[in-house]
Amino acid sequence: MSIFGKIMSAIFGHAAGATPAGGGTTAGAGAPAGGAATPSAAPAQTVDVAPILDKAVAAHHEKLEWRTSIVDLMKALDIDSSLAARKELAKELGYTGDTNDSASMNVWLHKQVMAKHAANGGKLPPEIKH
């Protein structure tokens, strides 16, 4: 499974038995841009991402800022957050910048991952720009 697929599965898989946020469904949840893999079943409901990630963060013994950091988001989900893994994620998502400029790449990755969550039925907190 791709790194992006693991992220999506970790979030949308946790919500499989949960009550949909807002009680509604989303139409047109399709494959993300850049040819990245998606979970085998596209979410048929809106998933409130914040409580899932907040619960994942609470299970760790360090302060993780998933709302602003791709590294912390990956750590919260127990996904390899090494530079090599982030470079692979960048490749999956079609990053065209310099992968040796990890700060710029990380900002781009976080924004892309949040945008793809929103595009696939994820409800994000209002402070997250996507």
N, C-alpha and C. Protein backbone atom coordinates (compact mmCIF):
# COMPACT_ATOMS: atom_id res chain seq x y z
N MET A 1 0.85 -1.18 0.00
CA MET A 1 0.00 0.00 0.00
C MET A 1 0.89 1.24 0.00
N SER A 2 0.46 2.24 -0.71
CA SER A 2 1.21 3.49 -0.77
C SER A 2 1.17 4.21 0.59
N ILE A 3 2.08 5.14 0.77
CA ILE A 3 2.10 5.90 2.02
C ILE A 3 0.81 6.71 2.15
N PHE A 4 0.41 7.35 1.05
CA PHE A 4 -0.85 8.11 1.10
C PHE A 4 -2.03 7.18 1.38
N GLY A 5 -2.01 6.01 0.80
CA GLY A 5 -3.07 5.03 1.06
C GLY A 5 -3.13 4.64 2.53
N LYS A 6 -1.95 4.52 3.17
CA LYS A 6 -1.90 4.21 4.60
C LYS A 6 -2.51 5.34 5.43
N ILE A 7 -2.20 6.58 5.04
CA ILE A 7 -2.77 7.74 5.76
C ILE A 7 -4.29 7.74 5.63
N MET A 8 -4.77 7.57 4.41
CA MET A 8 -6.22 7.57 4.18
C MET A 8 -6.89 6.42 4.93
N SER A 9 -6.30 5.24 4.86
CA SER A 9 -6.88 4.09 5.55
C SER A 9 -6.91 4.28 7.05
N ALA A 10 -5.85 4.89 7.59
CA ALA A 10 -5.79 5.12 9.03
C ALA A 10 -6.91 6.04 9.49
N ILE A 11 -7.23 7.03 8.68
CA ILE A 11 -8.26 7.98 9.08
C ILE A 11 -9.65 7.49 8.70
N PHE A 12 -9.84 7.10 7.47
CA PHE A 12 -11.17 6.69 7.03
C PHE A 12 -11.53 5.30 7.52
N GLY A 13 -10.53 4.46 7.77
CA GLY A 13 -10.79 3.14 8.34
C GLY A 13 -11.29 3.23 9.77
N HIS A 14 -10.76 4.20 10.55
CA HIS A 14 -11.21 4.42 11.93
C HIS A 14 -12.66 4.86 11.95
N ALA A 15 -13.10 5.51 10.90
CA ALA A 15 -14.44 6.07 10.88
C ALA A 15 -15.46 5.08 10.33
N ALA A 16 -15.05 3.90 9.93
CA ALA A 16 -15.95 2.95 9.29
C ALA A 16 -17.17 2.64 10.16
N GLY A 17 -16.98 2.52 11.46
CA GLY A 17 -18.11 2.22 12.33
C GLY A 17 -18.65 3.44 13.05
N ALA A 18 -18.10 4.60 12.74
CA ALA A 18 -18.50 5.82 13.43
C ALA A 18 -19.72 6.45 12.79
N THR A 19 -20.39 7.29 13.55
CA THR A 19 -21.51 8.04 13.02
C THR A 19 -20.97 9.14 12.12
N PRO A 20 -21.55 9.29 10.92
CA PRO A 20 -21.07 10.34 10.04
C PRO A 20 -21.21 11.72 10.67
N ALA A 21 -20.20 12.56 10.49
CA ALA A 21 -20.28 13.94 10.98
C ALA A 21 -21.33 14.67 10.18
N GLY A 22 -22.25 15.29 10.82
CA GLY A 22 -23.30 16.03 10.12
C GLY A 22 -24.38 15.12 9.57
N GLY A 23 -24.18 13.80 9.68
CA GLY A 23 -25.19 12.85 9.25
C GLY A 23 -25.38 12.75 7.75
N GLY A 24 -24.51 13.39 6.97
CA GLY A 24 -24.73 13.38 5.53
C GLY A 24 -23.76 12.51 4.80
N THR A 25 -23.98 12.42 3.49
CA THR A 25 -23.06 11.70 2.63
C THR A 25 -22.45 12.69 1.67
N THR A 26 -21.37 12.27 1.06
CA THR A 26 -20.74 13.14 0.08
C THR A 26 -20.85 12.51 -1.28
N ALA A 27 -21.05 13.32 -2.28
CA ALA A 27 -21.11 12.82 -3.65
C ALA A 27 -19.79 13.12 -4.33
N GLY A 28 -19.42 12.24 -5.23
CA GLY A 28 -18.25 12.50 -6.05
C GLY A 28 -16.92 12.33 -5.34
N ALA A 29 -16.84 11.49 -4.34
CA ALA A 29 -15.55 11.24 -3.70
C ALA A 29 -14.73 10.37 -4.63
N GLY A 30 -13.82 10.98 -5.34
CA GLY A 30 -13.07 10.25 -6.36
C GLY A 30 -11.62 10.09 -5.99
N ALA A 31 -10.86 9.61 -6.95
CA ALA A 31 -9.43 9.40 -6.75
C ALA A 31 -8.71 10.74 -6.67
N PRO A 32 -7.73 10.84 -5.82
CA PRO A 32 -6.99 12.08 -5.72
C PRO A 32 -6.12 12.31 -6.93
N ALA A 33 -5.76 13.56 -7.15
CA ALA A 33 -4.88 13.90 -8.27
C ALA A 33 -3.49 13.35 -8.03
N GLY A 34 -2.72 13.28 -9.08
CA GLY A 34 -1.35 12.83 -8.94
C GLY A 34 -1.19 11.32 -9.00
N GLY A 35 -2.27 10.59 -9.27
CA GLY A 35 -2.18 9.15 -9.41
C GLY A 35 -1.94 8.41 -8.11
N ALA A 36 -2.13 9.05 -6.99
CA ALA A 36 -1.90 8.39 -5.71
C ALA A 36 -2.98 7.36 -5.45
N ALA A 37 -2.60 6.30 -4.78
CA ALA A 37 -3.56 5.25 -4.48
C ALA A 37 -4.53 5.71 -3.41
N THR A 38 -5.74 5.18 -3.50
CA THR A 38 -6.74 5.48 -2.50
C THR A 38 -7.12 4.18 -1.81
N PRO A 39 -7.79 4.26 -0.68
CA PRO A 39 -8.27 3.04 -0.04
C PRO A 39 -9.19 2.30 -1.00
N SER A 40 -9.33 1.00 -0.81
CA SER A 40 -10.09 0.18 -1.74
C SER A 40 -11.53 0.64 -1.88
N ALA A 41 -12.11 1.19 -0.85
CA ALA A 41 -13.47 1.70 -0.94
C ALA A 41 -13.47 3.18 -0.59
N ALA A 42 -13.95 4.00 -1.51
CA ALA A 42 -14.02 5.43 -1.24
C ALA A 42 -15.04 5.68 -0.14
N PRO A 43 -14.78 6.60 0.76
CA PRO A 43 -15.73 6.86 1.84
C PRO A 43 -17.06 7.35 1.29
N ALA A 44 -18.14 6.80 1.83
CA ALA A 44 -19.48 7.18 1.39
C ALA A 44 -20.11 8.16 2.37
N GLN A 45 -19.34 8.61 3.34
CA GLN A 45 -19.87 9.51 4.35
C GLN A 45 -18.84 10.57 4.67
N THR A 46 -19.31 11.62 5.29
CA THR A 46 -18.38 12.64 5.77
C THR A 46 -17.73 12.13 7.04
N VAL A 47 -16.41 12.27 7.12
CA VAL A 47 -15.66 11.80 8.27
C VAL A 47 -15.03 13.00 8.95
N ASP A 48 -15.31 13.17 10.24
CA ASP A 48 -14.73 14.26 11.02
C ASP A 48 -13.31 13.86 11.39
N VAL A 49 -12.34 14.45 10.72
CA VAL A 49 -10.94 14.07 10.84
C VAL A 49 -10.35 14.43 12.20
N ALA A 50 -10.67 15.58 12.73
CA ALA A 50 -10.04 16.07 13.97
C ALA A 50 -10.17 15.10 15.14
N PRO A 51 -11.34 14.59 15.47
CA PRO A 51 -11.42 13.68 16.62
C PRO A 51 -10.59 12.41 16.43
N ILE A 52 -10.52 11.92 15.21
CA ILE A 52 -9.73 10.72 14.94
C ILE A 52 -8.26 10.99 15.18
N LEU A 53 -7.76 12.11 14.64
CA LEU A 53 -6.35 12.44 14.82
C LEU A 53 -6.04 12.88 16.25
N ASP A 54 -6.96 13.59 16.88
CA ASP A 54 -6.74 13.97 18.28
C ASP A 54 -6.63 12.74 19.17
N LYS A 55 -7.45 11.73 18.91
CA LYS A 55 -7.38 10.48 19.68
C LYS A 55 -6.06 9.77 19.42
N ALA A 56 -5.61 9.77 18.17
CA ALA A 56 -4.32 9.15 17.83
C ALA A 56 -3.17 9.87 18.53
N VAL A 57 -3.23 11.19 18.57
CA VAL A 57 -2.20 11.98 19.26
C VAL A 57 -2.20 11.67 20.75
N ALA A 58 -3.37 11.55 21.34
CA ALA A 58 -3.48 11.29 22.78
C ALA A 58 -2.83 9.96 23.17
N ALA A 59 -2.76 9.04 22.24
CA ALA A 59 -2.17 7.73 22.52
C ALA A 59 -0.64 7.78 22.54
N HIS A 60 -0.06 8.90 22.12
CA HIS A 60 1.39 9.05 22.09
C HIS A 60 1.87 9.86 23.30
N HIS A 61 3.11 9.67 23.65
CA HIS A 61 3.66 10.36 24.81
C HIS A 61 4.54 11.54 24.41
N GLU A 62 4.13 12.23 23.37
CA GLU A 62 4.83 13.44 22.93
C GLU A 62 3.81 14.40 22.33
N LYS A 63 4.18 15.65 22.29
CA LYS A 63 3.28 16.65 21.74
C LYS A 63 3.37 16.58 20.22
N LEU A 64 2.26 16.28 19.58
CA LEU A 64 2.21 16.18 18.12
C LEU A 64 1.21 17.20 17.57
N GLU A 65 1.66 18.01 16.65
CA GLU A 65 0.84 19.06 16.05
C GLU A 65 0.39 18.65 14.64
N TRP A 66 -0.54 17.71 14.57
CA TRP A 66 -0.97 17.19 13.27
C TRP A 66 -1.64 18.26 12.40
N ARG A 67 -2.18 19.30 13.02
CA ARG A 67 -2.86 20.35 12.25
C ARG A 67 -1.90 21.17 11.39
N THR A 68 -0.62 21.17 11.72
CA THR A 68 0.35 21.98 10.98
C THR A 68 1.56 21.20 10.48
N SER A 69 1.75 19.97 10.90
CA SER A 69 2.96 19.24 10.59
C SER A 69 2.66 17.88 9.96
N ILE A 70 3.19 17.65 8.77
CA ILE A 70 3.04 16.33 8.13
C ILE A 70 3.78 15.27 8.92
N VAL A 71 4.94 15.63 9.49
CA VAL A 71 5.70 14.67 10.29
C VAL A 71 4.87 14.23 11.50
N ASP A 72 4.29 15.19 12.21
CA ASP A 72 3.49 14.85 13.39
C ASP A 72 2.23 14.08 13.02
N LEU A 73 1.62 14.41 11.89
CA LEU A 73 0.44 13.69 11.44
C LEU A 73 0.81 12.23 11.19
N MET A 74 1.91 12.00 10.51
CA MET A 74 2.34 10.63 10.23
C MET A 74 2.71 9.89 11.51
N LYS A 75 3.40 10.57 12.44
CA LYS A 75 3.74 9.95 13.72
C LYS A 75 2.47 9.56 14.49
N ALA A 76 1.49 10.44 14.50
CA ALA A 76 0.25 10.16 15.22
C ALA A 76 -0.44 8.90 14.69
N LEU A 77 -0.28 8.66 13.39
CA LEU A 77 -0.91 7.49 12.76
C LEU A 77 0.00 6.28 12.72
N ASP A 78 1.16 6.38 13.39
CA ASP A 78 2.16 5.30 13.42
C ASP A 78 2.61 4.90 12.01
N ILE A 79 2.81 5.91 11.18
CA ILE A 79 3.32 5.73 9.82
C ILE A 79 4.73 6.31 9.79
N ASP A 80 5.64 5.64 9.12
CA ASP A 80 7.03 6.10 9.01
C ASP A 80 7.05 7.55 8.54
N SER A 81 7.66 8.42 9.33
CA SER A 81 7.72 9.85 9.00
C SER A 81 9.13 10.28 8.62
N SER A 82 9.99 9.33 8.32
CA SER A 82 11.37 9.65 7.96
C SER A 82 11.41 10.50 6.70
N LEU A 83 12.54 11.14 6.46
CA LEU A 83 12.69 11.95 5.26
C LEU A 83 12.48 11.09 4.01
N ALA A 84 12.99 9.88 4.02
CA ALA A 84 12.81 8.99 2.87
C ALA A 84 11.33 8.70 2.62
N ALA A 85 10.57 8.46 3.69
CA ALA A 85 9.14 8.20 3.55
C ALA A 85 8.41 9.43 3.03
N ARG A 86 8.80 10.61 3.53
CA ARG A 86 8.16 11.84 3.06
C ARG A 86 8.50 12.14 1.61
N LYS A 87 9.73 11.81 1.21
CA LYS A 87 10.09 11.97 -0.20
C LYS A 87 9.26 11.03 -1.08
N GLU A 88 9.02 9.82 -0.59
CA GLU A 88 8.17 8.87 -1.33
C GLU A 88 6.74 9.39 -1.42
N LEU A 89 6.23 9.93 -0.32
CA LEU A 89 4.89 10.52 -0.32
C LEU A 89 4.83 11.68 -1.31
N ALA A 90 5.87 12.50 -1.33
CA ALA A 90 5.92 13.63 -2.26
C ALA A 90 5.87 13.12 -3.71
N LYS A 91 6.58 12.05 -3.98
CA LYS A 91 6.57 11.46 -5.32
C LYS A 91 5.17 10.97 -5.67
N GLU A 92 4.52 10.27 -4.72
CA GLU A 92 3.16 9.76 -4.94
C GLU A 92 2.19 10.89 -5.28
N LEU A 93 2.35 12.02 -4.60
CA LEU A 93 1.40 13.12 -4.75
C LEU A 93 1.78 14.10 -5.85
N GLY A 94 2.89 13.86 -6.53
CA GLY A 94 3.27 14.68 -7.67
C GLY A 94 4.01 15.96 -7.34
N TYR A 95 4.78 15.95 -6.25
CA TYR A 95 5.56 17.13 -5.88
C TYR A 95 6.63 17.38 -6.93
N THR A 96 6.71 18.62 -7.40
CA THR A 96 7.70 18.98 -8.42
C THR A 96 8.82 19.85 -7.87
N GLY A 97 8.77 20.19 -6.61
CA GLY A 97 9.82 21.02 -6.00
C GLY A 97 11.03 20.20 -5.64
N ASP A 98 11.97 20.85 -4.98
CA ASP A 98 13.22 20.22 -4.55
C ASP A 98 12.97 19.42 -3.27
N THR A 99 13.09 18.11 -3.35
CA THR A 99 12.85 17.27 -2.17
C THR A 99 13.97 17.40 -1.14
N ASN A 100 15.06 18.05 -1.51
CA ASN A 100 16.12 18.31 -0.53
C ASN A 100 15.79 19.53 0.33
N ASP A 101 14.81 20.33 -0.08
CA ASP A 101 14.31 21.45 0.72
C ASP A 101 13.13 20.90 1.53
N SER A 102 13.47 20.17 2.60
CA SER A 102 12.43 19.44 3.34
C SER A 102 11.38 20.35 3.97
N ALA A 103 11.76 21.56 4.36
CA ALA A 103 10.78 22.46 4.97
C ALA A 103 9.68 22.81 3.96
N SER A 104 10.06 23.20 2.76
CA SER A 104 9.06 23.53 1.74
C SER A 104 8.26 22.31 1.34
N MET A 105 8.93 21.17 1.20
CA MET A 105 8.24 19.94 0.84
C MET A 105 7.23 19.55 1.92
N ASN A 106 7.62 19.68 3.19
CA ASN A 106 6.71 19.32 4.28
C ASN A 106 5.46 20.18 4.30
N VAL A 107 5.62 21.47 4.07
CA VAL A 107 4.47 22.37 4.03
C VAL A 107 3.54 21.95 2.89
N TRP A 108 4.12 21.69 1.73
CA TRP A 108 3.34 21.28 0.56
C TRP A 108 2.63 19.96 0.83
N LEU A 109 3.35 18.99 1.42
CA LEU A 109 2.75 17.69 1.72
C LEU A 109 1.56 17.82 2.65
N HIS A 110 1.73 18.60 3.71
CA HIS A 110 0.63 18.75 4.67
C HIS A 110 -0.59 19.34 3.97
N LYS A 111 -0.38 20.38 3.18
CA LYS A 111 -1.48 21.02 2.48
C LYS A 111 -2.17 20.04 1.51
N GLN A 112 -1.38 19.27 0.79
CA GLN A 112 -1.95 18.30 -0.16
C GLN A 112 -2.73 17.20 0.56
N VAL A 113 -2.17 16.67 1.64
CA VAL A 113 -2.85 15.61 2.37
C VAL A 113 -4.18 16.12 2.94
N MET A 114 -4.17 17.32 3.50
CA MET A 114 -5.42 17.89 4.02
C MET A 114 -6.44 18.12 2.89
N ALA A 115 -5.98 18.63 1.76
CA ALA A 115 -6.88 18.87 0.62
C ALA A 115 -7.47 17.56 0.13
N LYS A 116 -6.68 16.52 0.09
CA LYS A 116 -7.17 15.22 -0.38
C LYS A 116 -8.13 14.58 0.62
N HIS A 117 -7.90 14.81 1.90
CA HIS A 117 -8.88 14.35 2.89
C HIS A 117 -10.22 15.04 2.64
N ALA A 118 -10.17 16.36 2.47
CA ALA A 118 -11.40 17.12 2.24
C ALA A 118 -12.10 16.66 0.96
N ALA A 119 -11.34 16.40 -0.08
CA ALA A 119 -11.91 15.97 -1.36
C ALA A 119 -12.52 14.57 -1.29
N ASN A 120 -12.12 13.80 -0.30
CA ASN A 120 -12.61 12.42 -0.18
C ASN A 120 -13.56 12.23 1.00
N GLY A 121 -14.19 13.30 1.44
CA GLY A 121 -15.20 13.18 2.49
C GLY A 121 -14.72 13.53 3.88
N GLY A 122 -13.53 14.07 4.01
CA GLY A 122 -13.01 14.45 5.32
C GLY A 122 -13.46 15.84 5.72
N LYS A 123 -14.00 15.96 6.92
CA LYS A 123 -14.37 17.26 7.47
C LYS A 123 -13.19 17.74 8.31
N LEU A 124 -12.63 18.90 7.91
CA LEU A 124 -11.45 19.43 8.59
C LEU A 124 -11.83 20.62 9.47
N PRO A 125 -11.04 20.86 10.51
CA PRO A 125 -11.27 22.04 11.33
C PRO A 125 -11.11 23.30 10.48
N PRO A 126 -11.83 24.37 10.78
CA PRO A 126 -11.78 25.57 9.96
C PRO A 126 -10.40 26.23 9.88
N GLU A 127 -9.54 26.01 10.87
CA GLU A 127 -8.23 26.64 10.84
C GLU A 127 -7.27 25.97 9.84
N ILE A 128 -7.64 24.82 9.31
CA ILE A 128 -6.79 24.15 8.34
C ILE A 128 -7.19 24.60 6.95
N LYS A 129 -6.25 25.26 6.31
CA LYS A 129 -6.47 25.76 4.95
C LYS A 129 -6.07 24.68 3.95
N HIS A 130 -6.96 24.44 3.00
CA HIS A 130 -6.65 23.42 1.99
C HIS A 130 -7.06 23.88 0.61
